[in-house]
């Protein structure tokens, strides 16, 4: 039962992703749907796997936490992000500029550079974790 918490900046994109899955009109016009997240490897080993139900929240561990919805995990891939923008890898395979841009946009960023800068403030490089899709 993977519980995933999200920063407020990603909520409109996640809600659009849930709308997309349900076949509803998007709640937030002009916002790309987000149907994935990137997470560090958990110390307890309870990382999401394909087939798991993901419980998506914002404001976890705060008064006013809100459930965004539930989604079925479709795949979990190993993601590595190093300190250089051109050294990202998925399942051990380096990805090129186009794939980095698409990955960043699917994750709620405008560019791969924006995503790399975000990870630089949130994690230490090299980052090794999971790309979790629903």
C-alpha atoms as a PDB file:
ATOM      1  CA  UNK A   1       0.000   0.000   0.000  1.00  0.00           C
ATOM      2  CA  UNK A   2       2.408   2.723  -1.177  1.00  0.00           C
ATOM      3  CA  UNK A   3       1.469   6.164   0.099  1.00  0.00           C
ATOM      4  CA  UNK A   4       3.027   8.965  -1.954  1.00  0.00           C
ATOM      5  CA  UNK A   5       3.093  12.580  -0.842  1.00  0.00           C
ATOM      6  CA  UNK A   6       3.496  15.459  -3.303  1.00  0.00           C
ATOM      7  CA  UNK A   7       4.465  19.106  -3.024  1.00  0.00           C
ATOM      8  CA  UNK A   8       1.689  21.592  -3.809  1.00  0.00           C
ATOM      9  CA  UNK A   9       3.404  22.654  -7.057  1.00  0.00           C
ATOM     10  CA  UNK A  10       2.651  19.232  -8.570  1.00  0.00           C
ATOM     11  CA  UNK A  11      -1.014  18.916  -7.509  1.00  0.00           C
ATOM     12  CA  UNK A  12      -2.667  20.370 -10.664  1.00  0.00           C
ATOM     13  CA  UNK A  13      -0.583  18.096 -12.899  1.00  0.00           C
ATOM     14  CA  UNK A  14      -1.379  15.013 -10.782  1.00  0.00           C
ATOM     15  CA  UNK A  15      -5.088  15.854 -10.796  1.00  0.00           C
ATOM     16  CA  UNK A  16      -4.925  16.150 -14.598  1.00  0.00           C
ATOM     17  CA  UNK A  17      -3.167  12.772 -14.739  1.00  0.00           C
ATOM     18  CA  UNK A  18      -5.929  11.177 -12.668  1.00  0.00           C
ATOM     19  CA  UNK A  19      -8.538  12.861 -14.914  1.00  0.00           C
ATOM     20  CA  UNK A  20      -6.747  11.457 -17.970  1.00  0.00           C
ATOM     21  CA  UNK A  21      -6.791   7.914 -16.559  1.00  0.00           C
ATOM     22  CA  UNK A  22     -10.500   8.208 -15.709  1.00  0.00           C
ATOM     23  CA  UNK A  23     -11.356   9.627 -19.155  1.00  0.00           C
ATOM     24  CA  UNK A  24     -12.621  12.907 -17.659  1.00  0.00           C
ATOM     25  CA  UNK A  25     -11.962  16.417 -18.969  1.00  0.00           C
ATOM     26  CA  UNK A  26      -8.788  17.832 -17.436  1.00  0.00           C
ATOM     27  CA  UNK A  27      -9.353  19.890 -14.289  1.00  0.00           C
ATOM     28  CA  UNK A  28      -6.537  22.353 -15.001  1.00  0.00           C
ATOM     29  CA  UNK A  29      -6.344  23.798 -18.500  1.00  0.00           C
ATOM     30  CA  UNK A  30      -2.843  24.189 -19.898  1.00  0.00           C
ATOM     31  CA  UNK A  31      -1.212  21.877 -17.327  1.00  0.00           C
ATOM     32  CA  UNK A  32       0.469  18.684 -18.579  1.00  0.00           C
ATOM     33  CA  UNK A  33      -0.830  15.552 -16.834  1.00  0.00           C
ATOM     34  CA  UNK A  34       1.606  13.947 -14.375  1.00  0.00           C
ATOM     35  CA  UNK A  35       1.391  10.163 -14.200  1.00  0.00           C
ATOM     36  CA  UNK A  36       4.749   9.388 -12.676  1.00  0.00           C
ATOM     37  CA  UNK A  37       6.991  10.267  -9.772  1.00  0.00           C
ATOM     38  CA  UNK A  38      10.624   9.781  -8.883  1.00  0.00           C
ATOM     39  CA  UNK A  39      11.485   8.497  -5.421  1.00  0.00           C
ATOM     40  CA  UNK A  40      14.618   7.514  -3.585  1.00  0.00           C
ATOM     41  CA  UNK A  41      15.002   3.864  -2.649  1.00  0.00           C
ATOM     42  CA  UNK A  42      13.253   3.199   0.653  1.00  0.00           C
ATOM     43  CA  UNK A  43      15.342   1.885   3.528  1.00  0.00           C
ATOM     44  CA  UNK A  44      12.608  -0.570   4.491  1.00  0.00           C
ATOM     45  CA  UNK A  45      12.512  -2.072   0.974  1.00  0.00           C
ATOM     46  CA  UNK A  46       8.798  -1.358   0.498  1.00  0.00           C
ATOM     47  CA  UNK A  47       9.208   0.389  -2.846  1.00  0.00           C
ATOM     48  CA  UNK A  48       6.178   0.447  -5.178  1.00  0.00           C
ATOM     49  CA  UNK A  49       5.978  -2.312  -7.783  1.00  0.00           C
ATOM     50  CA  UNK A  50       3.838  -2.789 -10.883  1.00  0.00           C
ATOM     51  CA  UNK A  51       0.331  -3.769  -9.863  1.00  0.00           C
ATOM     52  CA  UNK A  52       0.404  -1.964  -6.494  1.00  0.00           C
ATOM     53  CA  UNK A  53      -2.300   0.564  -5.712  1.00  0.00           C
ATOM     54  CA  UNK A  54      -0.684   3.965  -5.166  1.00  0.00           C
ATOM     55  CA  UNK A  55      -2.355   6.380  -2.756  1.00  0.00           C
ATOM     56  CA  UNK A  56      -1.563   9.947  -3.814  1.00  0.00           C
ATOM     57  CA  UNK A  57      -1.647  12.763  -1.231  1.00  0.00           C
ATOM     58  CA  UNK A  58      -0.555  16.326  -0.719  1.00  0.00           C
ATOM     59  CA  UNK A  59       0.325  17.854   2.630  1.00  0.00           C
ATOM     60  CA  UNK A  60       1.164  14.565   4.334  1.00  0.00           C
ATOM     61  CA  UNK A  61       2.068  14.849   8.011  1.00  0.00           C
ATOM     62  CA  UNK A  62       0.414  18.271   8.117  1.00  0.00           C
ATOM     63  CA  UNK A  63      -2.958  19.497   9.228  1.00  0.00           C
ATOM     64  CA  UNK A  64      -5.182  19.581   6.161  1.00  0.00           C
ATOM     65  CA  UNK A  65      -3.519  16.726   4.277  1.00  0.00           C
ATOM     66  CA  UNK A  66      -5.598  15.861   1.229  1.00  0.00           C
ATOM     67  CA  UNK A  67      -5.960  12.657  -0.755  1.00  0.00           C
ATOM     68  CA  UNK A  68      -5.629  13.352  -4.471  1.00  0.00           C
ATOM     69  CA  UNK A  69      -6.674   9.889  -5.562  1.00  0.00           C
ATOM     70  CA  UNK A  70      -5.554   6.340  -6.203  1.00  0.00           C
ATOM     71  CA  UNK A  71      -3.842   4.829  -9.221  1.00  0.00           C
ATOM     72  CA  UNK A  72      -2.454   1.455 -10.233  1.00  0.00           C
ATOM     73  CA  UNK A  73       1.351   1.340 -10.609  1.00  0.00           C
ATOM     74  CA  UNK A  74       2.128   0.290 -14.179  1.00  0.00           C
ATOM     75  CA  UNK A  75       5.920   0.095 -13.888  1.00  0.00           C
ATOM     76  CA  UNK A  76       8.864   0.868 -11.645  1.00  0.00           C
ATOM     77  CA  UNK A  77      12.208   1.600 -13.297  1.00  0.00           C
ATOM     78  CA  UNK A  78      15.608   2.309 -11.754  1.00  0.00           C
ATOM     79  CA  UNK A  79      16.618   5.927 -12.385  1.00  0.00           C
ATOM     80  CA  UNK A  80      20.065   7.435 -11.902  1.00  0.00           C
ATOM     81  CA  UNK A  81      20.684  11.174 -12.027  1.00  0.00           C
ATOM     82  CA  UNK A  82      24.253  12.345 -11.712  1.00  0.00           C
ATOM     83  CA  UNK A  83      25.622  15.846 -11.218  1.00  0.00           C
ATOM     84  CA  UNK A  84      26.003  16.351 -14.986  1.00  0.00           C
ATOM     85  CA  UNK A  85      22.803  16.939 -16.937  1.00  0.00           C
ATOM     86  CA  UNK A  86      23.910  14.560 -19.700  1.00  0.00           C
ATOM     87  CA  UNK A  87      24.344  11.557 -17.393  1.00  0.00           C
ATOM     88  CA  UNK A  88      20.860  10.266 -16.600  1.00  0.00           C
ATOM     89  CA  UNK A  89      20.144   6.557 -16.932  1.00  0.00           C
ATOM     90  CA  UNK A  90      17.023   4.397 -16.789  1.00  0.00           C
ATOM     91  CA  UNK A  91      17.585   0.732 -15.927  1.00  0.00           C
ATOM     92  CA  UNK A  92      21.301   1.247 -16.595  1.00  0.00           C
ATOM     93  CA  UNK A  93      20.872   2.797 -20.067  1.00  0.00           C
ATOM     94  CA  UNK A  94      21.864   6.427 -20.550  1.00  0.00           C
ATOM     95  CA  UNK A  95      19.142   8.531 -22.091  1.00  0.00           C
ATOM     96  CA  UNK A  96      19.624  11.318 -24.635  1.00  0.00           C
ATOM     97  CA  UNK A  97      18.458  14.935 -24.578  1.00  0.00           C
ATOM     98  CA  UNK A  98      15.031  14.239 -26.123  1.00  0.00           C
ATOM     99  CA  UNK A  99      14.270  11.449 -23.625  1.00  0.00           C
ATOM    100  CA  UNK A 100      15.512  13.598 -20.711  1.00  0.00           C
ATOM    101  CA  UNK A 101      13.208  16.437 -21.808  1.00  0.00           C
ATOM    102  CA  UNK A 102      10.220  14.081 -22.145  1.00  0.00           C
ATOM    103  CA  UNK A 103      10.941  12.492 -18.760  1.00  0.00           C
ATOM    104  CA  UNK A 104      11.154  15.926 -17.119  1.00  0.00           C
ATOM    105  CA  UNK A 105       7.943  17.129 -18.757  1.00  0.00           C
ATOM    106  CA  UNK A 106       6.056  13.983 -17.736  1.00  0.00           C
ATOM    107  CA  UNK A 107       7.286  14.644 -14.198  1.00  0.00           C
ATOM    108  CA  UNK A 108       5.926  18.206 -14.077  1.00  0.00           C
ATOM    109  CA  UNK A 109       8.907  20.296 -15.189  1.00  0.00           C
ATOM    110  CA  UNK A 110       9.273  22.460 -18.285  1.00  0.00           C
ATOM    111  CA  UNK A 111      12.809  21.317 -19.090  1.00  0.00           C
ATOM    112  CA  UNK A 112      15.371  18.716 -18.068  1.00  0.00           C
ATOM    113  CA  UNK A 113      17.495  21.581 -16.725  1.00  0.00           C
ATOM    114  CA  UNK A 114      14.631  22.618 -14.405  1.00  0.00           C
ATOM    115  CA  UNK A 115      14.246  19.046 -13.162  1.00  0.00           C
ATOM    116  CA  UNK A 116      17.999  18.672 -12.643  1.00  0.00           C
ATOM    117  CA  UNK A 117      18.101  21.917 -10.629  1.00  0.00           C
ATOM    118  CA  UNK A 118      15.169  20.705  -8.485  1.00  0.00           C
ATOM    119  CA  UNK A 119      16.954  17.425  -7.768  1.00  0.00           C
ATOM    120  CA  UNK A 120      20.136  19.323  -6.902  1.00  0.00           C
ATOM    121  CA  UNK A 121      18.226  21.120  -4.128  1.00  0.00           C
ATOM    122  CA  UNK A 122      16.342  18.037  -2.865  1.00  0.00           C
ATOM    123  CA  UNK A 123      18.893  15.205  -3.111  1.00  0.00           C
ATOM    124  CA  UNK A 124      22.603  14.495  -3.230  1.00  0.00           C
ATOM    125  CA  UNK A 125      24.171  13.390  -6.500  1.00  0.00           C
ATOM    126  CA  UNK A 126      24.440  10.759  -7.681  1.00  0.00           C
ATOM    127  CA  UNK A 127      20.740  10.118  -7.083  1.00  0.00           C
ATOM    128  CA  UNK A 128      19.601   6.508  -7.452  1.00  0.00           C
ATOM    129  CA  UNK A 129      15.931   5.789  -7.077  1.00  0.00           C
ATOM    130  CA  UNK A 130      12.807   4.703  -8.861  1.00  0.00           C
ATOM    131  CA  UNK A 131      10.748   6.153 -11.661  1.00  0.00           C
ATOM    132  CA  UNK A 132       7.240   5.079 -10.698  1.00  0.00           C
ATOM    133  CA  UNK A 133       4.520   5.310 -13.345  1.00  0.00           C
ATOM    134  CA  UNK A 134       0.773   4.958 -13.118  1.00  0.00           C
END
